[in-house]
Every structure is written in structure tokens, then in C-alpha cells.
Amino acid sequence: MDRIAKLASQKAVVIFSKSSCCMCHAIKRLFYEQGVSPAIYELDEDARGKEMEWTLMRLGCNPSVPAVFIGGKFVGSANTIMTLQLNGSLKNLLKNAGAIWL
């Protein structure tokens, strides 16, 4: 839990992902297209990835990836991020976290 919290607070937007996950790719793309440069941690390429995956599931992220943190706080996975994008509130979260300026 401490490792996830530490990594999640290192940048305005942090995404825990797997390189083979199509939804992870879509979420990363969504942030890039908005001008956000998130920190991305590919769990399938990390020696402690399985441990981090279990921690994310205990936080309530099911499936475990993509897990998105904004401003150091767990926001959710793909469904939550897409809902926030569609209702227009994702941009405000990103502005408040300092991930985007406009």
C-alpha cells in the first residue's frame, strides 16, 4: 500500500497499467490527447507488479488496471474515467491537480 501511495503522489496523474491491456491503452491515449503527461507504471513489466496489482484490487479497483490517480487520490478505473470525461468533470479534476493549465 505504501509503494502505491508513494508512486501515486509523484505526479499530477498516475496510471497503473499493463502493456497488453486495450482499455489501459485507451485511457492513456485519452490523457495524452488532453495534453496530460501522466506517470505510467506497467505492472506486467515490474518485478513487484503482482503485489501492486493485489493492492490496487484491495483499494477497490476491479479489474486492477487501469487504475488512475489524480492529485495523489485514487479516482477509479476505465469506467469511472470515461464517465468523468463524458460528463465534463475530468477536465476540472485535471486543472485542480495541476495536470493541465487551460
N, C-alpha and C. Protein backbone atom coordinates (compact mmCIF):
# COMPACT_ATOMS: atom_id res chain seq x y z
N MET A 1 0.83 -1.19 0.00
CA MET A 1 0.00 0.00 0.00
C MET A 1 0.87 1.25 0.00
N ASP A 2 1.95 1.22 0.77
CA ASP A 2 2.83 2.38 0.84
C ASP A 2 3.47 2.68 -0.50
N ARG A 3 3.85 1.64 -1.22
CA ARG A 3 4.50 1.84 -2.52
C ARG A 3 3.53 2.48 -3.51
N ILE A 4 2.29 2.00 -3.53
CA ILE A 4 1.28 2.57 -4.42
C ILE A 4 1.06 4.04 -4.07
N ALA A 5 0.91 4.34 -2.79
CA ALA A 5 0.68 5.73 -2.35
C ALA A 5 1.86 6.62 -2.74
N LYS A 6 3.06 6.12 -2.57
CA LYS A 6 4.25 6.91 -2.90
C LYS A 6 4.31 7.19 -4.40
N LEU A 7 4.11 6.15 -5.22
CA LEU A 7 4.15 6.32 -6.66
C LEU A 7 3.01 7.23 -7.14
N ALA A 8 1.84 7.07 -6.55
CA ALA A 8 0.66 7.83 -6.97
C ALA A 8 0.78 9.32 -6.67
N SER A 9 1.64 9.67 -5.73
CA SER A 9 1.77 11.09 -5.36
C SER A 9 2.95 11.78 -6.08
N GLN A 10 3.65 11.07 -6.94
CA GLN A 10 4.83 11.65 -7.57
C GLN A 10 4.53 12.57 -8.75
N LYS A 11 3.32 12.48 -9.29
CA LYS A 11 2.95 13.31 -10.43
C LYS A 11 1.47 13.61 -10.35
N ALA A 12 1.01 14.63 -11.08
CA ALA A 12 -0.41 15.03 -11.02
C ALA A 12 -1.33 13.90 -11.46
N VAL A 13 -0.92 13.13 -12.46
CA VAL A 13 -1.71 11.99 -12.93
C VAL A 13 -0.80 10.77 -13.00
N VAL A 14 -1.26 9.69 -12.38
CA VAL A 14 -0.51 8.43 -12.37
C VAL A 14 -1.46 7.33 -12.81
N ILE A 15 -0.98 6.51 -13.75
CA ILE A 15 -1.78 5.40 -14.25
C ILE A 15 -1.02 4.11 -14.03
N PHE A 16 -1.67 3.16 -13.35
CA PHE A 16 -1.13 1.81 -13.23
C PHE A 16 -1.79 1.01 -14.33
N SER A 17 -0.97 0.34 -15.12
CA SER A 17 -1.43 -0.25 -16.36
C SER A 17 -0.78 -1.60 -16.60
N LYS A 18 -1.20 -2.26 -17.66
CA LYS A 18 -0.50 -3.43 -18.20
C LYS A 18 -0.31 -3.18 -19.68
N SER A 19 0.86 -3.50 -20.18
CA SER A 19 1.19 -3.18 -21.57
C SER A 19 0.29 -3.90 -22.57
N SER A 20 -0.33 -5.00 -22.18
CA SER A 20 -1.18 -5.77 -23.10
C SER A 20 -2.66 -5.44 -22.97
N CYS A 21 -3.02 -4.49 -22.13
CA CYS A 21 -4.42 -4.18 -21.84
C CYS A 21 -4.95 -3.10 -22.79
N CYS A 22 -5.98 -3.43 -23.57
CA CYS A 22 -6.51 -2.47 -24.54
C CYS A 22 -7.21 -1.29 -23.85
N MET A 23 -7.88 -1.52 -22.73
CA MET A 23 -8.53 -0.41 -22.02
C MET A 23 -7.48 0.52 -21.42
N CYS A 24 -6.38 -0.04 -20.96
CA CYS A 24 -5.29 0.78 -20.44
C CYS A 24 -4.77 1.70 -21.55
N HIS A 25 -4.61 1.14 -22.73
CA HIS A 25 -4.14 1.92 -23.87
C HIS A 25 -5.11 3.07 -24.17
N ALA A 26 -6.41 2.77 -24.15
CA ALA A 26 -7.42 3.79 -24.43
C ALA A 26 -7.39 4.91 -23.38
N ILE A 27 -7.24 4.56 -22.12
CA ILE A 27 -7.20 5.56 -21.05
C ILE A 27 -5.93 6.42 -21.16
N LYS A 28 -4.80 5.79 -21.43
CA LYS A 28 -3.55 6.56 -21.60
C LYS A 28 -3.70 7.54 -22.76
N ARG A 29 -4.29 7.07 -23.84
CA ARG A 29 -4.50 7.90 -25.03
C ARG A 29 -5.40 9.10 -24.70
N LEU A 30 -6.45 8.85 -23.94
CA LEU A 30 -7.37 9.92 -23.53
C LEU A 30 -6.61 11.04 -22.81
N PHE A 31 -5.73 10.66 -21.88
CA PHE A 31 -4.97 11.67 -21.15
C PHE A 31 -3.97 12.39 -22.05
N TYR A 32 -3.27 11.64 -22.91
CA TYR A 32 -2.33 12.27 -23.83
C TYR A 32 -3.03 13.28 -24.73
N GLU A 33 -4.22 12.93 -25.22
CA GLU A 33 -4.95 13.82 -26.13
C GLU A 33 -5.42 15.09 -25.43
N GLN A 34 -5.49 15.08 -24.12
CA GLN A 34 -5.87 16.28 -23.37
C GLN A 34 -4.64 17.10 -22.95
N GLY A 35 -3.47 16.66 -23.37
CA GLY A 35 -2.25 17.40 -23.05
C GLY A 35 -1.64 17.02 -21.71
N VAL A 36 -2.09 15.92 -21.14
CA VAL A 36 -1.58 15.46 -19.85
C VAL A 36 -0.42 14.50 -20.10
N SER A 37 0.60 14.62 -19.29
CA SER A 37 1.74 13.71 -19.37
C SER A 37 1.78 12.88 -18.08
N PRO A 38 1.02 11.79 -18.04
CA PRO A 38 0.93 11.01 -16.80
C PRO A 38 2.17 10.15 -16.56
N ALA A 39 2.39 9.82 -15.31
CA ALA A 39 3.38 8.79 -14.98
C ALA A 39 2.66 7.47 -15.17
N ILE A 40 3.31 6.56 -15.86
CA ILE A 40 2.67 5.27 -16.16
C ILE A 40 3.55 4.15 -15.62
N TYR A 41 2.91 3.27 -14.88
CA TYR A 41 3.60 2.11 -14.32
C TYR A 41 2.96 0.86 -14.90
N GLU A 42 3.73 0.15 -15.71
CA GLU A 42 3.26 -1.08 -16.34
C GLU A 42 3.51 -2.23 -15.37
N LEU A 43 2.45 -2.74 -14.78
CA LEU A 43 2.59 -3.77 -13.75
C LEU A 43 3.17 -5.07 -14.29
N ASP A 44 2.93 -5.38 -15.56
CA ASP A 44 3.47 -6.62 -16.13
C ASP A 44 4.95 -6.50 -16.46
N GLU A 45 5.52 -5.32 -16.29
CA GLU A 45 6.94 -5.12 -16.54
C GLU A 45 7.71 -4.79 -15.26
N ASP A 46 7.02 -4.84 -14.13
CA ASP A 46 7.62 -4.51 -12.83
C ASP A 46 7.78 -5.79 -12.01
N ALA A 47 8.93 -5.94 -11.39
CA ALA A 47 9.19 -7.14 -10.58
C ALA A 47 8.18 -7.29 -9.44
N ARG A 48 7.66 -6.18 -8.94
CA ARG A 48 6.68 -6.23 -7.85
C ARG A 48 5.26 -5.94 -8.35
N GLY A 49 5.07 -6.12 -9.65
CA GLY A 49 3.79 -5.80 -10.28
C GLY A 49 2.61 -6.58 -9.73
N LYS A 50 2.81 -7.86 -9.47
CA LYS A 50 1.71 -8.69 -8.95
C LYS A 50 1.28 -8.20 -7.58
N GLU A 51 2.24 -7.85 -6.76
CA GLU A 51 1.95 -7.31 -5.41
C GLU A 51 1.16 -6.00 -5.52
N MET A 52 1.58 -5.13 -6.44
CA MET A 52 0.89 -3.86 -6.62
C MET A 52 -0.52 -4.08 -7.17
N GLU A 53 -0.66 -5.09 -8.03
CA GLU A 53 -1.98 -5.41 -8.58
C GLU A 53 -2.95 -5.81 -7.47
N TRP A 54 -2.50 -6.64 -6.53
CA TRP A 54 -3.34 -7.04 -5.40
C TRP A 54 -3.71 -5.83 -4.54
N THR A 55 -2.77 -4.94 -4.34
CA THR A 55 -3.03 -3.74 -3.55
C THR A 55 -4.10 -2.88 -4.22
N LEU A 56 -4.00 -2.72 -5.53
CA LEU A 56 -5.00 -1.95 -6.27
C LEU A 56 -6.38 -2.58 -6.16
N MET A 57 -6.43 -3.89 -6.19
CA MET A 57 -7.72 -4.57 -6.05
C MET A 57 -8.31 -4.35 -4.65
N ARG A 58 -7.44 -4.33 -3.65
CA ARG A 58 -7.91 -4.06 -2.28
C ARG A 58 -8.42 -2.62 -2.14
N LEU A 59 -7.91 -1.72 -2.97
CA LEU A 59 -8.39 -0.33 -2.96
C LEU A 59 -9.75 -0.20 -3.63
N GLY A 60 -10.17 -1.26 -4.30
CA GLY A 60 -11.47 -1.23 -4.96
C GLY A 60 -11.41 -1.17 -6.47
N CYS A 61 -10.24 -1.29 -7.02
CA CYS A 61 -10.09 -1.25 -8.47
C CYS A 61 -10.23 -2.67 -9.02
N ASN A 62 -11.37 -2.95 -9.61
CA ASN A 62 -11.62 -4.28 -10.15
C ASN A 62 -12.27 -4.12 -11.51
N PRO A 63 -11.60 -4.44 -12.61
CA PRO A 63 -10.29 -5.07 -12.68
C PRO A 63 -9.18 -4.13 -12.17
N SER A 64 -8.04 -4.71 -11.90
CA SER A 64 -6.98 -3.95 -11.24
C SER A 64 -6.36 -2.85 -12.10
N VAL A 65 -6.47 -2.97 -13.42
CA VAL A 65 -5.93 -1.95 -14.32
C VAL A 65 -6.95 -1.62 -15.39
N PRO A 66 -6.97 -0.42 -15.90
CA PRO A 66 -6.15 0.71 -15.48
C PRO A 66 -6.64 1.30 -14.16
N ALA A 67 -5.71 1.70 -13.34
CA ALA A 67 -6.01 2.38 -12.08
C ALA A 67 -5.45 3.79 -12.19
N VAL A 68 -6.32 4.78 -12.07
CA VAL A 68 -5.92 6.17 -12.29
C VAL A 68 -5.98 6.95 -10.98
N PHE A 69 -4.88 7.64 -10.71
CA PHE A 69 -4.77 8.53 -9.56
C PHE A 69 -4.59 9.95 -10.10
N ILE A 70 -5.36 10.88 -9.57
CA ILE A 70 -5.24 12.28 -9.96
C ILE A 70 -5.04 13.08 -8.67
N GLY A 71 -3.98 13.85 -8.65
CA GLY A 71 -3.66 14.63 -7.45
C GLY A 71 -3.37 13.74 -6.25
N GLY A 72 -2.83 12.56 -6.50
CA GLY A 72 -2.48 11.63 -5.42
C GLY A 72 -3.64 10.82 -4.88
N LYS A 73 -4.84 11.04 -5.42
CA LYS A 73 -6.03 10.32 -4.93
C LYS A 73 -6.52 9.33 -5.98
N PHE A 74 -6.93 8.16 -5.51
CA PHE A 74 -7.47 7.15 -6.41
C PHE A 74 -8.81 7.64 -6.96
N VAL A 75 -8.90 7.72 -8.28
CA VAL A 75 -10.12 8.18 -8.93
C VAL A 75 -10.95 7.00 -9.41
N GLY A 76 -10.30 6.01 -10.01
CA GLY A 76 -11.02 4.84 -10.48
C GLY A 76 -10.35 4.20 -11.67
N SER A 77 -11.12 3.32 -12.31
CA SER A 77 -10.59 2.63 -13.48
C SER A 77 -11.26 3.18 -14.73
N ALA A 78 -11.24 2.42 -15.79
CA ALA A 78 -11.69 2.91 -17.10
C ALA A 78 -13.13 3.43 -17.07
N ASN A 79 -14.04 2.71 -16.45
CA ASN A 79 -15.45 3.15 -16.43
C ASN A 79 -15.60 4.50 -15.75
N THR A 80 -14.94 4.68 -14.64
CA THR A 80 -15.04 5.95 -13.91
C THR A 80 -14.44 7.08 -14.72
N ILE A 81 -13.28 6.86 -15.30
CA ILE A 81 -12.61 7.90 -16.08
C ILE A 81 -13.45 8.29 -17.29
N MET A 82 -14.02 7.30 -17.98
CA MET A 82 -14.85 7.61 -19.14
C MET A 82 -16.11 8.37 -18.73
N THR A 83 -16.69 8.01 -17.60
CA THR A 83 -17.87 8.72 -17.10
C THR A 83 -17.52 10.17 -16.80
N LEU A 84 -16.39 10.39 -16.13
CA LEU A 84 -15.94 11.75 -15.82
C LEU A 84 -15.68 12.55 -17.09
N GLN A 85 -15.12 11.90 -18.09
CA GLN A 85 -14.85 12.57 -19.36
C GLN A 85 -16.16 12.96 -20.04
N LEU A 86 -17.11 12.05 -20.07
CA LEU A 86 -18.38 12.31 -20.75
C LEU A 86 -19.23 13.37 -20.05
N ASN A 87 -19.17 13.43 -18.72
CA ASN A 87 -19.97 14.44 -18.03
C ASN A 87 -19.22 15.76 -17.84
N GLY A 88 -17.99 15.83 -18.33
CA GLY A 88 -17.24 17.08 -18.32
C GLY A 88 -16.46 17.38 -17.05
N SER A 89 -16.47 16.50 -16.08
CA SER A 89 -15.78 16.83 -14.82
C SER A 89 -14.32 16.38 -14.77
N LEU A 90 -13.89 15.59 -15.73
CA LEU A 90 -12.48 15.15 -15.74
C LEU A 90 -11.55 16.35 -15.92
N LYS A 91 -11.92 17.25 -16.81
CA LYS A 91 -11.06 18.42 -17.07
C LYS A 91 -10.86 19.25 -15.80
N ASN A 92 -11.90 19.42 -15.01
CA ASN A 92 -11.76 20.17 -13.76
C ASN A 92 -10.84 19.46 -12.77
N LEU A 93 -10.96 18.14 -12.67
CA LEU A 93 -10.06 17.38 -11.79
C LEU A 93 -8.61 17.58 -12.24
N LEU A 94 -8.38 17.54 -13.54
CA LEU A 94 -7.03 17.71 -14.08
C LEU A 94 -6.49 19.11 -13.82
N LYS A 95 -7.35 20.12 -13.98
CA LYS A 95 -6.93 21.51 -13.69
C LYS A 95 -6.58 21.66 -12.22
N ASN A 96 -7.44 21.16 -11.35
CA ASN A 96 -7.20 21.30 -9.90
C ASN A 96 -5.94 20.58 -9.45
N ALA A 97 -5.58 19.50 -10.13
CA ALA A 97 -4.37 18.76 -9.78
C ALA A 97 -3.12 19.36 -10.40
N GLY A 98 -3.30 20.32 -11.30
CA GLY A 98 -2.15 20.94 -11.96
C GLY A 98 -1.64 20.15 -13.14
N ALA A 99 -2.47 19.24 -13.66
CA ALA A 99 -2.05 18.41 -14.80
C ALA A 99 -2.21 19.14 -16.12
N ILE A 100 -3.16 20.09 -16.17
CA ILE A 100 -3.36 20.92 -17.36
C ILE A 100 -3.58 22.36 -16.90
N TRP A 101 -3.37 23.29 -17.82
CA TRP A 101 -3.48 24.70 -17.46
C TRP A 101 -4.72 25.36 -18.00
N LEU A 102 -5.23 24.88 -19.13
CA LEU A 102 -6.36 25.55 -19.79
C LEU A 102 -7.68 25.04 -19.33
